[in-house]
Amino acid sequence: MDNRNEILIAAREAKRNLAEGADFRVTDALAILEGIAPFLSKDAIINIKCKSCDNYSSASFPLSRDYWAVDDSDYCHARHASLKNLNASKLAGCNQYSCQASSDLMDLGRSIMEEDLQPAFSERKLYDRSKFASYSVAFRLQSSPGKVCIELGHMTDGGFAGSDISLFLVRRLDPGFGATASKKIAEAMKSGLIMVVQSSLQTRRQLDIDYVLDWIAKKRKMDIVYL
């Protein structure tokens, strides 16, 4: 079936086979579906629905415990399948959509940033080698599939300027950290959610940050991995 028209064709077929005297709400629902079907291409469904789902990943590890092999295509963890192998009807009709885990992880990241990191770094300075100057530490919180990132940096007239230190709260291992780091993270994830620290040793020493992060991980009952 043509990917661009499969939902439209299915809606029209359902209308033709609708029994006489069917509930008007069913008729109205099919009319609505037929009206919007031309706009529901597979790519549109992935962008509108899949990419905000807890089960979505932009890439996957196709081989178990092999972190060197990466499939750079959209993936669904609920169906254990690449989205390129699912048609538009399957994606549109999927009832396993959820964004609760992502929302909870974002709330946890915000709580750690506001309650733990900001008070701990209120008196510390971050040195920007490109500016030859020290600045008060600022934070930026961002969400991506399976994890949230708390980036440390400082504020400038142009907005937030990141440094080379980022803290990731990881609930599921997806490609993105590199093969060696992914193997290390996978070994630590056996007990659940973990904190991954991506930074140069020089920056960690400059900020004297390790004991703060170890305290946060213990407080939040998470294992911690330093990359």
N, C-alpha and C. Protein backbone atom coordinates (compact mmCIF):
# COMPACT_ATOMS: atom_id res chain seq x y z
N MET A 1 0.85 -1.20 0.00
CA MET A 1 0.00 0.00 0.00
C MET A 1 0.88 1.25 0.00
N ASP A 2 0.48 2.25 -0.76
CA ASP A 2 1.24 3.49 -0.84
C ASP A 2 1.31 4.13 0.54
N ASN A 3 2.52 4.38 1.03
CA ASN A 3 2.72 4.92 2.37
C ASN A 3 1.98 6.23 2.58
N ARG A 4 1.92 7.08 1.57
CA ARG A 4 1.30 8.39 1.73
C ARG A 4 -0.22 8.30 1.81
N ASN A 5 -0.82 7.23 1.28
CA ASN A 5 -2.28 7.14 1.20
C ASN A 5 -2.88 5.97 1.96
N GLU A 6 -2.07 5.20 2.68
CA GLU A 6 -2.60 3.97 3.27
C GLU A 6 -3.71 4.24 4.29
N ILE A 7 -3.59 5.29 5.09
CA ILE A 7 -4.63 5.58 6.08
C ILE A 7 -5.88 6.10 5.39
N LEU A 8 -5.71 6.92 4.35
CA LEU A 8 -6.85 7.43 3.59
C LEU A 8 -7.61 6.29 2.93
N ILE A 9 -6.92 5.37 2.31
CA ILE A 9 -7.56 4.23 1.65
C ILE A 9 -8.30 3.37 2.68
N ALA A 10 -7.67 3.15 3.84
CA ALA A 10 -8.30 2.35 4.89
C ALA A 10 -9.57 3.02 5.41
N ALA A 11 -9.55 4.36 5.58
CA ALA A 11 -10.73 5.08 6.06
C ALA A 11 -11.87 5.00 5.06
N ARG A 12 -11.56 5.16 3.77
CA ARG A 12 -12.61 5.08 2.75
C ARG A 12 -13.18 3.67 2.65
N GLU A 13 -12.33 2.66 2.80
CA GLU A 13 -12.79 1.28 2.76
C GLU A 13 -13.71 1.00 3.95
N ALA A 14 -13.37 1.53 5.10
CA ALA A 14 -14.20 1.34 6.29
C ALA A 14 -15.56 2.01 6.11
N LYS A 15 -15.58 3.18 5.48
CA LYS A 15 -16.85 3.88 5.24
C LYS A 15 -17.73 3.08 4.30
N ARG A 16 -17.12 2.50 3.26
CA ARG A 16 -17.90 1.71 2.30
C ARG A 16 -18.51 0.47 2.95
N ASN A 17 -17.81 -0.09 3.92
CA ASN A 17 -18.27 -1.32 4.56
C ASN A 17 -19.08 -1.08 5.83
N LEU A 18 -19.35 0.19 6.10
CA LEU A 18 -20.11 0.54 7.31
C LEU A 18 -21.55 0.07 7.16
N ALA A 19 -22.04 -0.63 8.15
CA ALA A 19 -23.41 -1.16 8.10
C ALA A 19 -24.43 -0.02 8.09
N GLU A 20 -25.53 -0.25 7.42
CA GLU A 20 -26.60 0.76 7.37
C GLU A 20 -27.16 0.96 8.77
N GLY A 21 -27.37 2.20 9.12
CA GLY A 21 -27.89 2.52 10.44
C GLY A 21 -26.84 2.53 11.54
N ALA A 22 -25.58 2.57 11.14
CA ALA A 22 -24.51 2.61 12.14
C ALA A 22 -24.59 3.90 12.95
N ASP A 23 -24.08 3.86 14.15
CA ASP A 23 -24.08 5.02 15.05
C ASP A 23 -23.47 6.22 14.32
N PHE A 24 -24.12 7.37 14.41
CA PHE A 24 -23.64 8.56 13.71
C PHE A 24 -22.25 8.98 14.18
N ARG A 25 -21.90 8.62 15.42
CA ARG A 25 -20.58 8.98 15.92
C ARG A 25 -19.48 8.21 15.19
N VAL A 26 -19.79 6.98 14.80
CA VAL A 26 -18.83 6.21 14.02
C VAL A 26 -18.65 6.85 12.65
N THR A 27 -19.77 7.25 12.05
CA THR A 27 -19.72 7.91 10.74
C THR A 27 -18.92 9.20 10.81
N ASP A 28 -19.17 9.99 11.86
CA ASP A 28 -18.44 11.24 12.03
C ASP A 28 -16.94 10.99 12.24
N ALA A 29 -16.62 9.96 13.02
CA ALA A 29 -15.22 9.65 13.28
C ALA A 29 -14.50 9.26 11.99
N LEU A 30 -15.14 8.46 11.18
CA LEU A 30 -14.54 8.06 9.91
C LEU A 30 -14.39 9.24 8.96
N ALA A 31 -15.36 10.16 9.01
CA ALA A 31 -15.28 11.36 8.17
C ALA A 31 -14.10 12.24 8.58
N ILE A 32 -13.92 12.36 9.89
CA ILE A 32 -12.78 13.14 10.39
C ILE A 32 -11.47 12.48 9.97
N LEU A 33 -11.40 11.15 10.13
CA LEU A 33 -10.18 10.42 9.76
C LEU A 33 -9.89 10.56 8.28
N GLU A 34 -10.93 10.49 7.46
CA GLU A 34 -10.75 10.64 6.01
C GLU A 34 -10.27 12.05 5.67
N GLY A 35 -10.74 13.03 6.41
CA GLY A 35 -10.36 14.41 6.15
C GLY A 35 -8.91 14.72 6.49
N ILE A 36 -8.41 14.11 7.57
CA ILE A 36 -7.04 14.41 7.98
C ILE A 36 -6.03 13.39 7.44
N ALA A 37 -6.52 12.28 6.91
CA ALA A 37 -5.64 11.21 6.43
C ALA A 37 -4.59 11.67 5.42
N PRO A 38 -4.92 12.58 4.48
CA PRO A 38 -3.89 13.01 3.52
C PRO A 38 -2.68 13.68 4.17
N PHE A 39 -2.85 14.15 5.39
CA PHE A 39 -1.75 14.83 6.09
C PHE A 39 -0.98 13.87 7.01
N LEU A 40 -1.46 12.63 7.10
CA LEU A 40 -0.84 11.67 8.02
C LEU A 40 0.11 10.74 7.28
N SER A 41 1.16 11.31 6.74
CA SER A 41 2.21 10.48 6.16
C SER A 41 2.97 9.80 7.30
N LYS A 42 3.74 8.80 6.98
CA LYS A 42 4.52 8.10 8.00
C LYS A 42 5.46 9.06 8.71
N ASP A 43 6.13 9.92 7.96
CA ASP A 43 7.06 10.89 8.57
C ASP A 43 6.33 11.83 9.51
N ALA A 44 5.11 12.25 9.12
CA ALA A 44 4.33 13.15 9.96
C ALA A 44 3.95 12.47 11.27
N ILE A 45 3.56 11.21 11.21
CA ILE A 45 3.19 10.47 12.42
C ILE A 45 4.39 10.31 13.34
N ILE A 46 5.54 10.01 12.78
CA ILE A 46 6.75 9.87 13.59
C ILE A 46 7.09 11.19 14.29
N ASN A 47 6.97 12.30 13.55
CA ASN A 47 7.29 13.62 14.14
C ASN A 47 6.27 14.04 15.17
N ILE A 48 4.99 13.81 14.91
CA ILE A 48 3.93 14.27 15.80
C ILE A 48 3.80 13.37 17.03
N LYS A 49 3.89 12.08 16.82
CA LYS A 49 3.57 11.11 17.88
C LYS A 49 4.79 10.39 18.43
N CYS A 50 5.51 9.72 17.56
CA CYS A 50 6.56 8.80 18.03
C CYS A 50 7.68 9.52 18.76
N LYS A 51 8.12 10.65 18.23
CA LYS A 51 9.31 11.31 18.79
C LYS A 51 9.09 11.87 20.19
N SER A 52 7.83 11.98 20.62
CA SER A 52 7.57 12.44 21.99
C SER A 52 7.20 11.28 22.91
N CYS A 53 7.32 10.06 22.41
CA CYS A 53 6.96 8.87 23.19
C CYS A 53 8.15 8.36 23.99
N ASP A 54 7.88 7.81 25.16
CA ASP A 54 8.94 7.23 26.00
C ASP A 54 9.69 6.11 25.29
N ASN A 55 9.03 5.45 24.35
CA ASN A 55 9.61 4.27 23.71
C ASN A 55 10.47 4.60 22.49
N TYR A 56 10.54 5.86 22.12
CA TYR A 56 11.25 6.26 20.89
C TYR A 56 12.75 6.43 21.13
N SER A 57 13.52 6.04 20.13
CA SER A 57 14.94 6.33 20.10
C SER A 57 15.34 6.64 18.66
N SER A 58 16.29 7.55 18.49
CA SER A 58 16.73 7.93 17.15
C SER A 58 17.72 6.94 16.56
N ALA A 59 18.16 5.97 17.37
CA ALA A 59 19.09 4.94 16.91
C ALA A 59 19.00 3.77 17.88
N SER A 60 19.62 2.64 17.50
CA SER A 60 19.54 1.46 18.36
C SER A 60 20.77 0.57 18.17
N PHE A 61 20.93 -0.34 19.13
CA PHE A 61 21.97 -1.36 19.02
C PHE A 61 21.29 -2.63 18.50
N PRO A 62 21.51 -3.00 17.25
CA PRO A 62 20.81 -4.16 16.68
C PRO A 62 21.29 -5.50 17.23
N LEU A 63 22.48 -5.55 17.80
CA LEU A 63 23.03 -6.79 18.32
C LEU A 63 23.18 -6.70 19.84
N SER A 64 22.71 -7.70 20.53
CA SER A 64 22.76 -7.70 21.98
C SER A 64 24.18 -7.60 22.50
N ARG A 65 24.40 -6.61 23.38
CA ARG A 65 25.69 -6.38 24.04
C ARG A 65 26.83 -6.08 23.07
N ASP A 66 26.49 -5.66 21.86
CA ASP A 66 27.49 -5.21 20.89
C ASP A 66 27.28 -3.71 20.69
N TYR A 67 28.13 -2.90 21.30
CA TYR A 67 27.93 -1.45 21.29
C TYR A 67 28.72 -0.77 20.18
N TRP A 68 29.35 -1.55 19.35
CA TRP A 68 30.05 -1.01 18.20
C TRP A 68 29.13 -0.96 16.97
N ALA A 69 28.16 -1.85 16.91
CA ALA A 69 27.20 -1.88 15.80
C ALA A 69 26.00 -1.00 16.16
N VAL A 70 25.73 0.01 15.33
CA VAL A 70 24.64 0.96 15.59
C VAL A 70 23.77 1.09 14.34
N ASP A 71 22.45 1.01 14.54
CA ASP A 71 21.49 1.26 13.46
C ASP A 71 20.99 2.68 13.62
N ASP A 72 21.38 3.56 12.71
CA ASP A 72 21.01 4.98 12.81
C ASP A 72 19.64 5.25 12.19
N SER A 73 18.64 4.56 12.64
CA SER A 73 17.27 4.81 12.18
C SER A 73 16.34 4.80 13.38
N ASP A 74 15.19 5.47 13.24
CA ASP A 74 14.23 5.58 14.34
C ASP A 74 13.84 4.18 14.84
N TYR A 75 13.70 4.08 16.15
CA TYR A 75 13.48 2.76 16.76
C TYR A 75 12.41 2.86 17.85
N CYS A 76 11.60 1.80 17.99
CA CYS A 76 10.59 1.73 19.04
C CYS A 76 10.97 0.63 20.02
N HIS A 77 11.20 1.00 21.28
CA HIS A 77 11.57 0.01 22.28
C HIS A 77 10.38 -0.84 22.71
N ALA A 78 9.16 -0.33 22.59
CA ALA A 78 7.98 -1.12 22.96
C ALA A 78 7.77 -2.27 21.99
N ARG A 79 7.98 -2.00 20.70
CA ARG A 79 7.79 -3.03 19.67
C ARG A 79 9.09 -3.75 19.33
N HIS A 80 10.20 -3.28 19.88
CA HIS A 80 11.51 -3.86 19.57
C HIS A 80 11.72 -3.92 18.05
N ALA A 81 11.43 -2.79 17.40
CA ALA A 81 11.49 -2.77 15.94
C ALA A 81 11.90 -1.38 15.46
N SER A 82 12.60 -1.37 14.34
CA SER A 82 12.93 -0.12 13.67
C SER A 82 11.66 0.43 13.04
N LEU A 83 11.44 1.73 13.13
CA LEU A 83 10.23 2.32 12.56
C LEU A 83 10.20 2.20 11.04
N LYS A 84 11.33 2.01 10.42
CA LYS A 84 11.35 1.85 8.96
C LYS A 84 10.67 0.55 8.54
N ASN A 85 10.50 -0.38 9.51
CA ASN A 85 9.85 -1.65 9.21
C ASN A 85 8.37 -1.67 9.60
N LEU A 86 7.84 -0.52 10.05
CA LEU A 86 6.44 -0.41 10.43
C LEU A 86 5.76 0.59 9.51
N ASN A 87 4.54 0.27 9.06
CA ASN A 87 3.85 1.19 8.16
C ASN A 87 3.11 2.27 8.94
N ALA A 88 2.57 3.24 8.22
CA ALA A 88 1.89 4.39 8.85
C ALA A 88 0.70 3.95 9.69
N SER A 89 -0.06 2.97 9.21
CA SER A 89 -1.23 2.50 9.96
C SER A 89 -0.83 1.91 11.30
N LYS A 90 0.26 1.12 11.33
CA LYS A 90 0.72 0.54 12.58
C LYS A 90 1.14 1.62 13.56
N LEU A 91 1.83 2.64 13.06
CA LEU A 91 2.29 3.71 13.94
C LEU A 91 1.13 4.55 14.45
N ALA A 92 0.20 4.89 13.55
CA ALA A 92 -0.94 5.73 13.95
C ALA A 92 -1.84 5.00 14.93
N GLY A 93 -1.98 3.68 14.76
CA GLY A 93 -2.88 2.90 15.62
C GLY A 93 -2.23 2.38 16.88
N CYS A 94 -0.95 2.64 17.08
CA CYS A 94 -0.25 2.14 18.27
C CYS A 94 -0.87 2.71 19.54
N ASN A 95 -1.17 1.84 20.50
CA ASN A 95 -1.78 2.29 21.76
C ASN A 95 -0.80 2.23 22.93
N GLN A 96 0.49 2.14 22.62
CA GLN A 96 1.49 2.06 23.68
C GLN A 96 2.20 3.39 23.91
N TYR A 97 1.61 4.47 23.39
CA TYR A 97 2.21 5.79 23.56
C TYR A 97 2.17 6.21 25.03
N SER A 98 3.27 6.75 25.49
CA SER A 98 3.35 7.33 26.83
C SER A 98 4.49 8.33 26.87
N CYS A 99 4.31 9.39 27.66
CA CYS A 99 5.40 10.34 27.87
C CYS A 99 5.66 10.54 29.37
N GLN A 100 5.08 9.64 30.19
CA GLN A 100 5.18 9.80 31.64
C GLN A 100 6.61 9.62 32.14
N ALA A 101 7.31 8.62 31.62
CA ALA A 101 8.69 8.37 32.08
C ALA A 101 9.60 9.55 31.76
N SER A 102 9.42 10.13 30.57
CA SER A 102 10.22 11.30 30.19
C SER A 102 9.91 12.49 31.08
N SER A 103 8.62 12.67 31.39
CA SER A 103 8.20 13.77 32.26
C SER A 103 8.76 13.59 33.67
N ASP A 104 8.71 12.36 34.18
CA ASP A 104 9.24 12.09 35.53
C ASP A 104 10.74 12.33 35.58
N LEU A 105 11.44 11.92 34.51
CA LEU A 105 12.89 12.10 34.47
C LEU A 105 13.25 13.58 34.39
N MET A 106 12.48 14.34 33.64
CA MET A 106 12.71 15.78 33.54
C MET A 106 12.48 16.44 34.91
N ASP A 107 11.45 16.00 35.63
CA ASP A 107 11.18 16.53 36.97
C ASP A 107 12.34 16.22 37.92
N LEU A 108 12.87 15.01 37.81
CA LEU A 108 14.01 14.64 38.65
C LEU A 108 15.23 15.49 38.32
N GLY A 109 15.50 15.68 37.03
CA GLY A 109 16.62 16.52 36.62
C GLY A 109 16.48 17.95 37.14
N ARG A 110 15.27 18.48 37.06
CA ARG A 110 15.03 19.85 37.56
C ARG A 110 15.23 19.91 39.07
N SER A 111 14.78 18.87 39.77
CA SER A 111 14.94 18.82 41.22
C SER A 111 16.42 18.77 41.60
N ILE A 112 17.20 17.94 40.92
CA ILE A 112 18.64 17.86 41.20
C ILE A 112 19.33 19.18 40.91
N MET A 113 18.96 19.80 39.80
CA MET A 113 19.58 21.08 39.42
C MET A 113 19.28 22.17 40.45
N GLU A 114 18.01 22.27 40.85
CA GLU A 114 17.60 23.37 41.72
C GLU A 114 17.91 23.12 43.19
N GLU A 115 17.77 21.88 43.64
CA GLU A 115 17.91 21.58 45.07
C GLU A 115 19.33 21.15 45.45
N ASP A 116 20.06 20.56 44.51
CA ASP A 116 21.39 20.03 44.84
C ASP A 116 22.53 20.82 44.20
N LEU A 117 22.47 20.99 42.89
CA LEU A 117 23.59 21.61 42.18
C LEU A 117 23.70 23.11 42.41
N GLN A 118 22.60 23.83 42.27
CA GLN A 118 22.67 25.29 42.40
C GLN A 118 23.17 25.72 43.78
N PRO A 119 22.68 25.15 44.89
CA PRO A 119 23.25 25.54 46.19
C PRO A 119 24.72 25.14 46.33
N ALA A 120 25.09 23.97 45.80
CA ALA A 120 26.47 23.49 45.95
C ALA A 120 27.46 24.34 45.17
N PHE A 121 27.00 24.96 44.07
CA PHE A 121 27.92 25.73 43.22
C PHE A 121 27.69 27.24 43.31
N SER A 122 26.95 27.67 44.29
CA SER A 122 26.63 29.10 44.39
C SER A 122 27.86 29.97 44.60
N GLU A 123 28.90 29.43 45.24
CA GLU A 123 30.10 30.20 45.51
C GLU A 123 31.28 29.83 44.61
N ARG A 124 31.09 28.89 43.69
CA ARG A 124 32.19 28.42 42.86
C ARG A 124 32.22 29.14 41.52
N LYS A 125 33.38 29.13 40.91
CA LYS A 125 33.57 29.79 39.62
C LYS A 125 34.02 28.75 38.57
N LEU A 126 33.58 28.99 37.36
CA LEU A 126 33.96 28.14 36.24
C LEU A 126 34.86 28.93 35.31
N TYR A 127 36.03 28.39 35.04
CA TYR A 127 37.00 29.10 34.21
C TYR A 127 36.75 28.81 32.74
N ASP A 128 36.61 29.86 31.95
CA ASP A 128 36.43 29.75 30.50
C ASP A 128 37.77 30.05 29.84
N ARG A 129 38.41 29.00 29.32
CA ARG A 129 39.74 29.17 28.74
C ARG A 129 39.74 30.07 27.51
N SER A 130 38.62 30.09 26.78
CA SER A 130 38.57 30.93 25.57
C SER A 130 38.47 32.42 25.92
N LYS A 131 37.96 32.72 27.13
CA LYS A 131 37.81 34.11 27.56
C LYS A 131 38.86 34.53 28.59
N PHE A 132 39.63 33.55 29.08
CA PHE A 132 40.61 33.81 30.14
C PHE A 132 39.97 34.51 31.33
N ALA A 133 38.80 33.99 31.71
CA ALA A 133 38.06 34.60 32.81
C ALA A 133 37.25 33.54 33.54
N SER A 134 36.91 33.84 34.79
CA SER A 134 36.10 32.94 35.61
C SER A 134 34.70 33.51 35.76
N TYR A 135 33.71 32.63 35.76
CA TYR A 135 32.31 33.05 35.82
C TYR A 135 31.56 32.22 36.85
N SER A 136 30.47 32.78 37.35
CA SER A 136 29.56 32.01 38.20
C SER A 136 28.95 30.87 37.38
N VAL A 137 28.76 29.74 38.03
CA VAL A 137 28.27 28.56 37.33
C VAL A 137 26.77 28.69 37.07
N ALA A 138 26.38 28.40 35.82
CA ALA A 138 24.97 28.36 35.43
C ALA A 138 24.66 26.96 34.91
N PHE A 139 23.38 26.65 34.81
CA PHE A 139 22.97 25.31 34.42
C PHE A 139 21.92 25.37 33.31
N ARG A 140 21.94 24.33 32.47
CA ARG A 140 20.91 24.21 31.43
C ARG A 140 20.41 22.76 31.42
N LEU A 141 19.09 22.61 31.47
CA LEU A 141 18.46 21.29 31.52
C LEU A 141 17.80 20.99 30.18
N GLN A 142 18.13 19.85 29.59
CA GLN A 142 17.57 19.46 28.30
C GLN A 142 17.19 17.99 28.32
N SER A 143 16.11 17.67 27.60
CA SER A 143 15.61 16.30 27.55
C SER A 143 15.84 15.71 26.16
N SER A 144 16.16 14.44 26.12
CA SER A 144 16.25 13.69 24.86
C SER A 144 15.80 12.26 25.16
N PRO A 145 15.50 11.46 24.14
CA PRO A 145 14.96 10.11 24.40
C PRO A 145 15.80 9.29 25.36
N GLY A 146 15.17 8.83 26.44
CA GLY A 146 15.84 7.94 27.38
C GLY A 146 16.71 8.62 28.41
N LYS A 147 16.87 9.93 28.33
CA LYS A 147 17.77 10.60 29.28
C LYS A 147 17.47 12.10 29.34
N VAL A 148 18.00 12.74 30.38
CA VAL A 148 18.03 14.20 30.46
C VAL A 148 19.47 14.61 30.71
N CYS A 149 19.80 15.82 30.29
CA CYS A 149 21.16 16.32 30.44
C CYS A 149 21.14 17.63 31.23
N ILE A 150 21.98 17.71 32.24
CA ILE A 150 22.21 18.96 32.97
C ILE A 150 23.60 19.43 32.58
N GLU A 151 23.64 20.51 31.83
CA GLU A 151 24.91 21.03 31.35
C GLU A 151 25.37 22.18 32.22
N LEU A 152 26.64 22.18 32.60
CA LEU A 152 27.21 23.27 33.38
C LEU A 152 27.89 24.26 32.45
N GLY A 153 27.74 25.54 32.75
CA GLY A 153 28.36 26.58 31.94
C GLY A 153 28.24 27.91 32.64
N HIS A 154 28.12 28.98 31.88
CA HIS A 154 27.93 30.30 32.47
C HIS A 154 27.12 31.16 31.51
N MET A 155 26.58 32.23 32.03
CA MET A 155 25.74 33.12 31.23
C MET A 155 26.58 34.23 30.61
N THR A 156 26.24 34.56 29.36
CA THR A 156 26.88 35.67 28.65
C THR A 156 25.78 36.58 28.12
N ASP A 157 26.17 37.67 27.47
CA ASP A 157 25.18 38.55 26.87
C ASP A 157 24.36 37.83 25.80
N GLY A 158 24.96 36.80 25.21
CA GLY A 158 24.27 36.05 24.16
C GLY A 158 23.50 34.86 24.68
N GLY A 159 23.50 34.64 26.00
CA GLY A 159 22.78 33.52 26.58
C GLY A 159 23.70 32.55 27.27
N PHE A 160 23.31 31.29 27.30
CA PHE A 160 24.06 30.26 28.01
C PHE A 160 25.27 29.81 27.19
N ALA A 161 26.44 29.75 27.82
CA ALA A 161 27.66 29.24 27.18
C ALA A 161 28.07 27.96 27.91
N GLY A 162 28.03 26.84 27.23
CA GLY A 162 28.31 25.57 27.85
C GLY A 162 29.79 25.35 28.08
N SER A 163 30.09 24.47 29.01
CA SER A 163 31.47 24.06 29.27
C SER A 163 31.63 22.62 28.78
N ASP A 164 32.68 21.95 29.23
CA ASP A 164 32.88 20.57 28.79
C ASP A 164 32.37 19.56 29.81
N ILE A 165 31.49 20.01 30.72
CA ILE A 165 30.96 19.08 31.71
C ILE A 165 29.43 18.99 31.61
N SER A 166 28.96 17.76 31.48
CA SER A 166 27.52 17.50 31.39
C SER A 166 27.19 16.29 32.26
N LEU A 167 26.05 16.37 32.92
CA LEU A 167 25.55 15.28 33.74
C LEU A 167 24.31 14.70 33.06
N PHE A 168 24.32 13.41 32.83
CA PHE A 168 23.18 12.75 32.20
C PHE A 168 22.50 11.83 33.21
N LEU A 169 21.18 11.94 33.28
CA LEU A 169 20.38 10.97 34.03
C LEU A 169 19.83 10.00 32.99
N VAL A 170 20.26 8.76 33.05
CA VAL A 170 19.99 7.80 31.98
C VAL A 170 19.09 6.68 32.50
N ARG A 171 17.92 6.54 31.89
CA ARG A 171 17.01 5.46 32.28
C ARG A 171 17.05 4.29 31.31
N ARG A 172 17.69 4.51 30.14
CA ARG A 172 17.76 3.47 29.12
C ARG A 172 18.95 3.76 28.23
N LEU A 173 19.71 2.74 27.91
CA LEU A 173 20.90 2.97 27.11
C LEU A 173 20.58 2.94 25.62
N ASP A 174 20.82 4.06 24.96
CA ASP A 174 20.71 4.19 23.51
C ASP A 174 22.07 4.64 22.98
N PRO A 175 22.31 4.49 21.67
CA PRO A 175 23.57 4.98 21.11
C PRO A 175 23.74 6.49 21.33
N GLY A 176 24.99 6.91 21.38
CA GLY A 176 25.26 8.33 21.55
C GLY A 176 26.47 8.62 22.41
N PHE A 177 26.84 7.67 23.26
CA PHE A 177 27.98 7.86 24.15
C PHE A 177 29.27 7.28 23.59
N GLY A 178 29.17 6.48 22.52
CA GLY A 178 30.33 5.77 22.00
C GLY A 178 30.38 4.35 22.55
N ALA A 179 31.05 3.47 21.82
CA ALA A 179 31.02 2.05 22.16
C ALA A 179 31.62 1.75 23.53
N THR A 180 32.81 2.27 23.80
CA THR A 180 33.48 1.97 25.07
C THR A 180 32.70 2.51 26.26
N ALA A 181 32.22 3.75 26.14
CA ALA A 181 31.43 4.35 27.22
C ALA A 181 30.10 3.62 27.39
N SER A 182 29.48 3.20 26.29
CA SER A 182 28.20 2.49 26.36
C SER A 182 28.34 1.18 27.12
N LYS A 183 29.43 0.48 26.88
CA LYS A 183 29.67 -0.78 27.61
C LYS A 183 29.80 -0.51 29.10
N LYS A 184 30.49 0.55 29.44
CA LYS A 184 30.67 0.91 30.86
C LYS A 184 29.34 1.29 31.49
N ILE A 185 28.52 2.04 30.75
CA ILE A 185 27.21 2.45 31.25
C ILE A 185 26.30 1.24 31.41
N ALA A 186 26.31 0.34 30.43
CA ALA A 186 25.45 -0.85 30.48
C ALA A 186 25.73 -1.69 31.72
N GLU A 187 26.99 -1.80 32.09
CA GLU A 187 27.36 -2.58 33.27
C GLU A 187 26.82 -1.95 34.55
N ALA A 188 26.70 -0.62 34.56
CA ALA A 188 26.23 0.08 35.76
C ALA A 188 24.71 0.18 35.81
N MET A 189 24.02 -0.09 34.70
CA MET A 189 22.57 0.12 34.65
C MET A 189 21.76 -1.05 35.18
N LYS A 190 22.42 -2.08 35.65
CA LYS A 190 21.70 -3.26 36.11
C LYS A 190 20.78 -2.94 37.28
N SER A 191 21.11 -1.89 38.03
CA SER A 191 20.29 -1.52 39.18
C SER A 191 19.30 -0.41 38.86
N GLY A 192 19.22 0.01 37.61
CA GLY A 192 18.24 1.02 37.21
C GLY A 192 18.85 2.34 36.78
N LEU A 193 18.14 3.43 37.07
CA LEU A 193 18.55 4.77 36.66
C LEU A 193 19.95 5.10 37.17
N ILE A 194 20.77 5.71 36.30
CA ILE A 194 22.13 6.07 36.70
C ILE A 194 22.44 7.51 36.30
N MET A 195 23.48 8.06 36.92
CA MET A 195 24.02 9.36 36.53
C MET A 195 25.33 9.14 35.78
N VAL A 196 25.43 9.74 34.60
CA VAL A 196 26.65 9.64 33.80
C VAL A 196 27.29 11.02 33.75
N VAL A 197 28.55 11.10 34.11
CA VAL A 197 29.28 12.37 34.14
C VAL A 197 30.25 12.38 32.96
N GLN A 198 30.05 13.33 32.06
CA GLN A 198 30.90 13.47 30.88
C GLN A 198 31.68 14.77 31.03
N SER A 199 32.99 14.65 31.27
CA SER A 199 33.79 15.84 31.54
C SER A 199 35.28 15.48 31.48
N SER A 200 36.07 16.51 31.26
CA SER A 200 37.52 16.32 31.38
C SER A 200 37.88 16.26 32.85
N LEU A 201 38.94 15.52 33.16
CA LEU A 201 39.39 15.42 34.55
C LEU A 201 39.85 16.78 35.06
N GLN A 202 40.39 17.62 34.17
CA GLN A 202 40.86 18.95 34.56
C GLN A 202 39.70 19.81 35.08
N THR A 203 38.57 19.78 34.37
CA THR A 203 37.42 20.58 34.80
C THR A 203 36.84 20.05 36.11
N ARG A 204 36.78 18.75 36.24
CA ARG A 204 36.27 18.16 37.48
C ARG A 204 37.15 18.56 38.67
N ARG A 205 38.44 18.57 38.45
CA ARG A 205 39.34 18.97 39.55
C ARG A 205 39.23 20.46 39.84
N GLN A 206 39.09 21.26 38.79
CA GLN A 206 38.98 22.71 38.98
C GLN A 206 37.75 23.05 39.82
N LEU A 207 36.63 22.37 39.55
CA LEU A 207 35.40 22.63 40.28
C LEU A 207 35.31 21.83 41.58
N ASP A 208 36.23 20.87 41.75
CA ASP A 208 36.18 19.99 42.92
C ASP A 208 34.77 19.39 43.04
N ILE A 209 34.36 18.75 41.95
CA ILE A 209 32.96 18.38 41.80
C ILE A 209 32.65 16.95 42.19
N ASP A 210 33.64 16.07 42.19
CA ASP A 210 33.33 14.64 42.35
C ASP A 210 32.61 14.32 43.65
N TYR A 211 33.04 14.91 44.74
CA TYR A 211 32.39 14.58 46.01
C TYR A 211 30.95 15.07 46.05
N VAL A 212 30.68 16.19 45.35
CA VAL A 212 29.30 16.71 45.26
C VAL A 212 28.43 15.73 44.48
N LEU A 213 28.96 15.25 43.35
CA LEU A 213 28.19 14.32 42.52
C LEU A 213 27.99 12.98 43.22
N ASP A 214 29.02 12.51 43.93
CA ASP A 214 28.88 11.27 44.68
C ASP A 214 27.79 11.41 45.76
N TRP A 215 27.75 12.57 46.39
CA TRP A 215 26.73 12.84 47.41
C TRP A 215 25.33 12.86 46.79
N ILE A 216 25.19 13.50 45.62
CA ILE A 216 23.90 13.55 44.94
C ILE A 216 23.44 12.15 44.54
N ALA A 217 24.36 11.36 43.97
CA ALA A 217 24.01 10.01 43.54
C ALA A 217 23.56 9.16 44.73
N LYS A 218 24.25 9.31 45.86
CA LYS A 218 23.86 8.56 47.06
C LYS A 218 22.51 9.04 47.57
N LYS A 219 22.30 10.34 47.59
CA LYS A 219 21.03 10.91 48.06
C LYS A 219 19.87 10.46 47.19
N ARG A 220 20.10 10.42 45.87
CA ARG A 220 19.02 10.07 44.92
C ARG A 220 18.98 8.57 44.62
N LYS A 221 19.83 7.80 45.32
CA LYS A 221 19.87 6.33 45.16
C LYS A 221 20.12 5.92 43.71
N MET A 222 21.20 6.49 43.15
CA MET A 222 21.61 6.18 41.79
C MET A 222 23.08 5.77 41.79
N ASP A 223 23.44 4.87 40.88
CA ASP A 223 24.86 4.62 40.63
C ASP A 223 25.38 5.75 39.74
N ILE A 224 26.70 5.93 39.77
CA ILE A 224 27.30 7.03 38.99
C ILE A 224 28.45 6.47 38.14
N VAL A 225 28.54 6.96 36.91
CA VAL A 225 29.59 6.55 35.98
C VAL A 225 30.32 7.79 35.49
N TYR A 226 31.65 7.80 35.61
CA TYR A 226 32.47 8.90 35.13
C TYR A 226 33.09 8.49 33.80
N LEU A 227 32.89 9.32 32.78
CA LEU A 227 33.47 9.04 31.46
C LEU A 227 34.71 9.90 31.24
